C-alpha atoms as a PDB file:
ATOM      1  CA  MET A   1       0.000   0.000   0.000  1.00  0.00           C
ATOM      2  CA  ASN A   2       1.205   3.484  -0.811  1.00  0.00           C
ATOM      3  CA  GLU A   3      -0.330   5.906   1.685  1.00  0.00           C
ATOM      4  CA  THR A   4       0.150   9.615   1.227  1.00  0.00           C
ATOM      5  CA  LYS A   5       0.548  11.391   4.531  1.00  0.00           C
ATOM      6  CA  THR A   6       0.357  15.118   5.058  1.00  0.00           C
ATOM      7  CA  PRO A   7       3.470  16.362   6.870  1.00  0.00           C
ATOM      8  CA  ALA A   8       2.719  17.445  10.408  1.00  0.00           C
ATOM      9  CA  PHE A   9       2.597  21.136  11.191  1.00  0.00           C
ATOM     10  CA  ASP A  10       5.327  22.194  13.615  1.00  0.00           C
ATOM     11  CA  ARG A  11       3.389  23.787  16.476  1.00  0.00           C
ATOM     12  CA  HIS A  12       6.553  25.571  17.654  1.00  0.00           C
ATOM     13  CA  MET A  13       6.437  27.542  14.403  1.00  0.00           C
ATOM     14  CA  LEU A  14       3.132  29.034  15.587  1.00  0.00           C
ATOM     15  CA  GLU A  15       5.008  31.041  18.217  1.00  0.00           C
ATOM     16  CA  ALA A  16       6.849  32.894  15.438  1.00  0.00           C
ATOM     17  CA  LEU A  17       3.860  33.468  13.143  1.00  0.00           C
ATOM     18  CA  VAL A  18       1.380  36.326  13.336  1.00  0.00           C
ATOM     19  CA  CYS A  19      -1.471  37.416  11.104  1.00  0.00           C
ATOM     20  CA  PRO A  20      -0.005  39.271   8.113  1.00  0.00           C
ATOM     21  CA  GLN A  21      -2.928  41.702   8.125  1.00  0.00           C
ATOM     22  CA  THR A  22      -3.301  42.559  11.827  1.00  0.00           C
ATOM     23  CA  GLN A  23      -0.120  41.178  13.450  1.00  0.00           C
ATOM     24  CA  ALA A  24      -2.421  39.349  15.896  1.00  0.00           C
ATOM     25  CA  VAL A  25      -1.770  35.949  17.468  1.00  0.00           C
ATOM     26  CA  LEU A  26      -2.986  32.936  15.452  1.00  0.00           C
ATOM     27  CA  GLU A  27      -4.823  29.830  16.657  1.00  0.00           C
ATOM     28  CA  TYR A  28      -3.982  26.411  15.220  1.00  0.00           C
ATOM     29  CA  HIS A  29      -6.963  24.233  14.239  1.00  0.00           C
ATOM     30  CA  ALA A  30      -5.713  20.698  13.594  1.00  0.00           C
ATOM     31  CA  ASP A  31      -9.007  19.357  12.208  1.00  0.00           C
ATOM     32  CA  SER A  32      -9.218  21.914   9.403  1.00  0.00           C
ATOM     33  CA  GLN A  33      -5.427  22.366   9.051  1.00  0.00           C
ATOM     34  CA  GLU A  34      -5.726  26.146   9.329  1.00  0.00           C
ATOM     35  CA  LEU A  35      -4.299  29.004  11.313  1.00  0.00           C
ATOM     36  CA  ILE A  36      -7.108  31.279  12.491  1.00  0.00           C
ATOM     37  CA  SER A  37      -6.848  35.037  12.930  1.00  0.00           C
ATOM     38  CA  LYS A  38      -9.905  36.108  14.892  1.00  0.00           C
ATOM     39  CA  ALA A  39      -8.786  39.744  14.652  1.00  0.00           C
ATOM     40  CA  ALA A  40      -8.842  39.664  10.836  1.00  0.00           C
ATOM     41  CA  GLY A  41     -11.633  37.107  10.498  1.00  0.00           C
ATOM     42  CA  LEU A  42      -9.429  34.924   8.305  1.00  0.00           C
ATOM     43  CA  ALA A  43      -8.300  31.297   8.218  1.00  0.00           C
ATOM     44  CA  PHE A  44      -4.913  30.634   6.633  1.00  0.00           C
ATOM     45  CA  PRO A  45      -4.490  27.131   5.150  1.00  0.00           C
ATOM     46  CA  ILE A  46      -1.691  24.750   6.014  1.00  0.00           C
ATOM     47  CA  ARG A  47      -0.635  22.826   2.910  1.00  0.00           C
ATOM     48  CA  ASN A  48       1.839  19.949   3.128  1.00  0.00           C
ATOM     49  CA  GLY A  49       2.775  21.106   6.633  1.00  0.00           C
ATOM     50  CA  ILE A  50       3.527  24.661   5.460  1.00  0.00           C
ATOM     51  CA  PRO A  51       1.337  27.611   6.510  1.00  0.00           C
ATOM     52  CA  VAL A  52       0.259  29.754   3.557  1.00  0.00           C
ATOM     53  CA  MET A  53       0.300  33.235   5.086  1.00  0.00           C
ATOM     54  CA  LEU A  54      -1.106  35.129   2.104  1.00  0.00           C
ATOM     55  CA  VAL A  55      -4.275  37.155   2.640  1.00  0.00           C
ATOM     56  CA  ASP A  56      -5.392  36.293  -0.915  1.00  0.00           C
ATOM     57  CA  GLU A  57      -5.222  32.554  -0.037  1.00  0.00           C
ATOM     58  CA  ALA A  58      -7.067  32.888   3.288  1.00  0.00           C
ATOM     59  CA  ARG A  59     -10.659  31.837   3.852  1.00  0.00           C
ATOM     60  CA  VAL A  60     -13.000  34.471   5.290  1.00  0.00           C
ATOM     61  CA  LEU A  61     -14.570  33.310   8.546  1.00  0.00           C
ATOM     62  CA  ASP A  62     -18.336  33.426   8.921  1.00  0.00           C
END
């Protein structure tokens, strides 16, 4: 069997990352593989273990 696994996100990296729009602290959501900025109302995706910190790539929170 050839299973494809998504690389794990390094939670220690979260300490160094802030929202690119507001400079606010981010929350890691493991289930959705996103970093959430409540201040900006955005969710930044984590792809292949790498956070994509581009506002244009972020999902707007409801």
